[in-house]
Amino acid sequence: MKRILGIDFGERRIGLALSDPLGIIAQPFLTFDTQKDGDIFKKIEELIEEKNIEKIILGMPRNMDGTIGEKGKVVQEFSQKLSIRLKMPIILRDERLSSVESLRILRDAGAKLHKYKKSVDKLSAALILQGYLESLKRKEDEKSES
């Protein structure tokens, strides 16, 4: 079965998460360092083939009032480049406060502050992806109830 890739894009780090093959659970997967890891597009392309990924959910940062600010425009540009290169569906999903939630989870789990940076981006990607998977489940449940 195919998987879904969640991405939390940052100019310094990009967090990745994968769904399980059934599309129920999102799991933190990797973090790329955009300054050290080379061609990020190529790495994502290789991951898509290796993990049998059918679509991408990309976190879209929005201002608290829902508008798209400067970071959102950078993500839109990244999304366009990724879409052209991969020729696969990319769904933008509101990611407001996902990093804040990731930090809270890591703190509550007792993670050390110096290790947060290595985990927060992939955990944020997992939260973004899990939200998408749950929205699919809700839609499915609504259809079965009607």
C-alpha atoms as a PDB file:
ATOM      1  CA  MET A   1       0.000   0.000   0.000  1.00  0.00           C
ATOM      2  CA  LYS A   2       1.068   3.562  -0.580  1.00  0.00           C
ATOM      3  CA  ARG A   3       2.093   6.029   2.097  1.00  0.00           C
ATOM      4  CA  ILE A   4       1.683   9.762   2.598  1.00  0.00           C
ATOM      5  CA  LEU A   5       4.605  12.067   3.352  1.00  0.00           C
ATOM      6  CA  GLY A   6       4.199  14.986   5.752  1.00  0.00           C
ATOM      7  CA  ILE A   7       6.592  17.927   5.478  1.00  0.00           C
ATOM      8  CA  ASP A   8       7.257  20.759   7.912  1.00  0.00           C
ATOM      9  CA  PHE A   9       9.279  23.196   5.804  1.00  0.00           C
ATOM     10  CA  GLY A  10      11.791  25.554   7.324  1.00  0.00           C
ATOM     11  CA  GLU A  11      14.557  27.492   5.665  1.00  0.00           C
ATOM     12  CA  ARG A  12      17.136  25.827   7.936  1.00  0.00           C
ATOM     13  CA  ARG A  13      15.537  22.415   8.603  1.00  0.00           C
ATOM     14  CA  ILE A  14      12.833  20.345   6.931  1.00  0.00           C
ATOM     15  CA  GLY A  15      10.993  17.807   9.067  1.00  0.00           C
ATOM     16  CA  LEU A  16       9.484  14.720   7.478  1.00  0.00           C
ATOM     17  CA  ALA A  17       6.883  12.254   8.700  1.00  0.00           C
ATOM     18  CA  LEU A  18       5.417   9.134   7.116  1.00  0.00           C
ATOM     19  CA  SER A  19       2.016   7.554   7.382  1.00  0.00           C
ATOM     20  CA  ASP A  20       1.736   3.850   7.988  1.00  0.00           C
ATOM     21  CA  PRO A  21       0.680   1.883   4.872  1.00  0.00           C
ATOM     22  CA  LEU A  22      -2.982   1.953   5.997  1.00  0.00           C
ATOM     23  CA  GLY A  23      -2.993   5.752   6.357  1.00  0.00           C
ATOM     24  CA  ILE A  24      -3.967   5.716  10.033  1.00  0.00           C
ATOM     25  CA  ILE A  25      -0.883   6.820  11.986  1.00  0.00           C
ATOM     26  CA  ALA A  26       1.745   9.469  11.217  1.00  0.00           C
ATOM     27  CA  GLN A  27       5.256   8.824  12.488  1.00  0.00           C
ATOM     28  CA  PRO A  28       8.138  11.303  12.736  1.00  0.00           C
ATOM     29  CA  PHE A  29      10.774  10.178  10.243  1.00  0.00           C
ATOM     30  CA  LEU A  30      13.702  12.453   9.317  1.00  0.00           C
ATOM     31  CA  THR A  31      15.003  15.978   9.513  1.00  0.00           C
ATOM     32  CA  PHE A  32      17.030  17.454   6.667  1.00  0.00           C
ATOM     33  CA  ASP A  33      19.429  20.319   7.271  1.00  0.00           C
ATOM     34  CA  THR A  34      19.025  22.537   4.223  1.00  0.00           C
ATOM     35  CA  GLN A  35      22.568  23.873   4.554  1.00  0.00           C
ATOM     36  CA  LYS A  36      24.325  20.518   5.033  1.00  0.00           C
ATOM     37  CA  ASP A  37      22.277  17.832   3.300  1.00  0.00           C
ATOM     38  CA  GLY A  38      22.653  18.883  -0.332  1.00  0.00           C
ATOM     39  CA  ASP A  39      19.843  18.692  -2.876  1.00  0.00           C
ATOM     40  CA  ILE A  40      16.709  18.405  -0.727  1.00  0.00           C
ATOM     41  CA  PHE A  41      14.490  17.883  -3.779  1.00  0.00           C
ATOM     42  CA  LYS A  42      16.588  14.878  -4.841  1.00  0.00           C
ATOM     43  CA  LYS A  43      16.492  13.442  -1.314  1.00  0.00           C
ATOM     44  CA  ILE A  44      12.701  13.772  -1.193  1.00  0.00           C
ATOM     45  CA  GLU A  45      12.451  12.238  -4.668  1.00  0.00           C
ATOM     46  CA  GLU A  46      14.513   9.226  -3.525  1.00  0.00           C
ATOM     47  CA  LEU A  47      12.416   8.884  -0.377  1.00  0.00           C
ATOM     48  CA  ILE A  48       9.206   8.886  -2.416  1.00  0.00           C
ATOM     49  CA  GLU A  49      10.420   5.991  -4.503  1.00  0.00           C
ATOM     50  CA  GLU A  50      11.922   4.068  -1.588  1.00  0.00           C
ATOM     51  CA  LYS A  51       8.867   4.405   0.694  1.00  0.00           C
ATOM     52  CA  ASN A  52       6.177   4.143  -2.012  1.00  0.00           C
ATOM     53  CA  ILE A  53       4.666   7.571  -1.313  1.00  0.00           C
ATOM     54  CA  GLU A  54       1.568   8.663  -3.233  1.00  0.00           C
ATOM     55  CA  LYS A  55       1.054  12.239  -1.989  1.00  0.00           C
ATOM     56  CA  ILE A  56       2.570  14.964   0.131  1.00  0.00           C
ATOM     57  CA  ILE A  57       1.003  17.025   2.901  1.00  0.00           C
ATOM     58  CA  LEU A  58       2.979  20.229   3.325  1.00  0.00           C
ATOM     59  CA  GLY A  59       2.515  22.449   6.366  1.00  0.00           C
ATOM     60  CA  MET A  60       1.402  25.960   5.407  1.00  0.00           C
ATOM     61  CA  PRO A  61       2.282  28.590   7.991  1.00  0.00           C
ATOM     62  CA  ARG A  62      -0.454  31.155   8.415  1.00  0.00           C
ATOM     63  CA  ASN A  63      -0.825  34.173  10.606  1.00  0.00           C
ATOM     64  CA  MET A  64      -3.231  33.789  13.522  1.00  0.00           C
ATOM     65  CA  ASP A  65      -5.883  35.663  11.488  1.00  0.00           C
ATOM     66  CA  GLY A  66      -5.554  33.070   8.678  1.00  0.00           C
ATOM     67  CA  THR A  67      -3.664  35.244   6.222  1.00  0.00           C
ATOM     68  CA  ILE A  68      -0.476  34.123   4.513  1.00  0.00           C
ATOM     69  CA  GLY A  69       2.647  35.997   5.576  1.00  0.00           C
ATOM     70  CA  GLU A  70       6.235  35.947   4.343  1.00  0.00           C
ATOM     71  CA  LYS A  71       6.950  32.401   5.592  1.00  0.00           C
ATOM     72  CA  GLY A  72       3.790  31.198   3.883  1.00  0.00           C
ATOM     73  CA  LYS A  73       4.935  32.689   0.598  1.00  0.00           C
ATOM     74  CA  VAL A  74       8.275  30.853   0.928  1.00  0.00           C
ATOM     75  CA  VAL A  75       6.371  27.595   1.520  1.00  0.00           C
ATOM     76  CA  GLN A  76       4.162  28.244  -1.524  1.00  0.00           C
ATOM     77  CA  GLU A  77       7.292  28.729  -3.629  1.00  0.00           C
ATOM     78  CA  PHE A  78       8.806  25.507  -2.242  1.00  0.00           C
ATOM     79  CA  SER A  79       5.528  23.694  -2.962  1.00  0.00           C
ATOM     80  CA  GLN A  80       5.491  24.875  -6.580  1.00  0.00           C
ATOM     81  CA  LYS A  81       9.095  23.768  -7.156  1.00  0.00           C
ATOM     82  CA  LEU A  82       8.434  20.410  -5.496  1.00  0.00           C
ATOM     83  CA  SER A  83       5.246  19.869  -7.507  1.00  0.00           C
ATOM     84  CA  ILE A  84       6.995  20.589 -10.813  1.00  0.00           C
ATOM     85  CA  ARG A  85       9.867  18.260  -9.956  1.00  0.00           C
ATOM     86  CA  LEU A  86       7.827  15.369  -8.548  1.00  0.00           C
ATOM     87  CA  LYS A  87       4.622  15.573 -10.595  1.00  0.00           C
ATOM     88  CA  MET A  88       2.518  14.390  -7.659  1.00  0.00           C
ATOM     89  CA  PRO A  89      -0.230  15.857  -5.494  1.00  0.00           C
ATOM     90  CA  ILE A  90       0.905  18.286  -2.797  1.00  0.00           C
ATOM     91  CA  ILE A  91      -1.728  19.371  -0.323  1.00  0.00           C
ATOM     92  CA  LEU A  92      -1.090  22.490   1.752  1.00  0.00           C
ATOM     93  CA  ARG A  93      -2.354  22.137   5.322  1.00  0.00           C
ATOM     94  CA  ASP A  94      -2.614  24.845   7.964  1.00  0.00           C
ATOM     95  CA  GLU A  95       0.175  24.327  10.466  1.00  0.00           C
ATOM     96  CA  ARG A  96      -0.505  27.118  12.940  1.00  0.00           C
ATOM     97  CA  LEU A  97       1.036  26.290  16.309  1.00  0.00           C
ATOM     98  CA  SER A  98       2.383  22.863  15.236  1.00  0.00           C
ATOM     99  CA  SER A  99       5.905  23.789  16.397  1.00  0.00           C
ATOM    100  CA  VAL A 100       4.556  25.094  19.702  1.00  0.00           C
ATOM    101  CA  GLU A 101       2.682  21.808  20.206  1.00  0.00           C
ATOM    102  CA  SER A 102       5.805  19.813  19.261  1.00  0.00           C
ATOM    103  CA  LEU A 103       7.889  21.669  21.831  1.00  0.00           C
ATOM    104  CA  ARG A 104       5.253  21.048  24.503  1.00  0.00           C
ATOM    105  CA  ILE A 105       5.166  17.324  23.724  1.00  0.00           C
ATOM    106  CA  LEU A 106       8.958  17.054  23.831  1.00  0.00           C
ATOM    107  CA  ARG A 107       9.173  19.012  27.091  1.00  0.00           C
ATOM    108  CA  ASP A 108       6.442  16.879  28.662  1.00  0.00           C
ATOM    109  CA  ALA A 109       8.304  13.750  27.565  1.00  0.00           C
ATOM    110  CA  GLY A 110      11.426  14.993  29.362  1.00  0.00           C
ATOM    111  CA  ALA A 111      13.538  15.624  26.262  1.00  0.00           C
ATOM    112  CA  LYS A 112      16.643  17.720  26.844  1.00  0.00           C
ATOM    113  CA  LEU A 113      16.562  21.253  25.471  1.00  0.00           C
ATOM    114  CA  HIS A 114      19.655  20.763  23.279  1.00  0.00           C
ATOM    115  CA  LYS A 115      17.990  17.786  21.594  1.00  0.00           C
ATOM    116  CA  TYR A 116      14.732  19.628  20.765  1.00  0.00           C
ATOM    117  CA  LYS A 117      16.025  21.050  17.500  1.00  0.00           C
ATOM    118  CA  LYS A 118      16.706  17.576  16.126  1.00  0.00           C
ATOM    119  CA  SER A 119      13.190  16.391  16.957  1.00  0.00           C
ATOM    120  CA  VAL A 120      10.820  19.344  16.754  1.00  0.00           C
ATOM    121  CA  ASP A 121      10.699  19.549  12.941  1.00  0.00           C
ATOM    122  CA  LYS A 122       9.937  15.886  12.310  1.00  0.00           C
ATOM    123  CA  LEU A 123       7.435  15.859  15.185  1.00  0.00           C
ATOM    124  CA  SER A 124       5.755  18.958  13.689  1.00  0.00           C
ATOM    125  CA  ALA A 125       5.585  17.138  10.340  1.00  0.00           C
ATOM    126  CA  ALA A 126       3.937  14.186  12.102  1.00  0.00           C
ATOM    127  CA  LEU A 127       1.357  16.480  13.749  1.00  0.00           C
ATOM    128  CA  ILE A 128       0.557  18.102  10.388  1.00  0.00           C
ATOM    129  CA  LEU A 129       0.215  14.695   8.719  1.00  0.00           C
ATOM    130  CA  GLN A 130      -1.807  13.196  11.590  1.00  0.00           C
ATOM    131  CA  GLY A 131      -4.252  16.102  11.368  1.00  0.00           C
ATOM    132  CA  TYR A 132      -4.696  15.382   7.672  1.00  0.00           C
ATOM    133  CA  LEU A 133      -5.205  11.635   8.268  1.00  0.00           C
ATOM    134  CA  GLU A 134      -7.805  12.370  10.939  1.00  0.00           C
ATOM    135  CA  SER A 135      -9.655  14.729   8.595  1.00  0.00           C
ATOM    136  CA  LEU A 136      -9.832  11.923   6.025  1.00  0.00           C
ATOM    137  CA  LYS A 137     -11.233   9.576   8.672  1.00  0.00           C
ATOM    138  CA  ARG A 138     -13.879  12.146   9.695  1.00  0.00           C
ATOM    139  CA  LYS A 139     -14.978  12.550   6.076  1.00  0.00           C
ATOM    140  CA  GLU A 140     -15.171   8.780   5.725  1.00  0.00           C
ATOM    141  CA  ASP A 141     -17.250   8.518   8.914  1.00  0.00           C
ATOM    142  CA  GLU A 142     -19.612  11.269   7.734  1.00  0.00           C
ATOM    143  CA  LYS A 143     -20.179   9.444   4.435  1.00  0.00           C
ATOM    144  CA  SER A 144     -20.978   6.171   6.195  1.00  0.00           C
ATOM    145  CA  GLU A 145     -23.471   7.924   8.506  1.00  0.00           C
ATOM    146  CA  SER A 146     -25.470   9.434   5.635  1.00  0.00           C
END
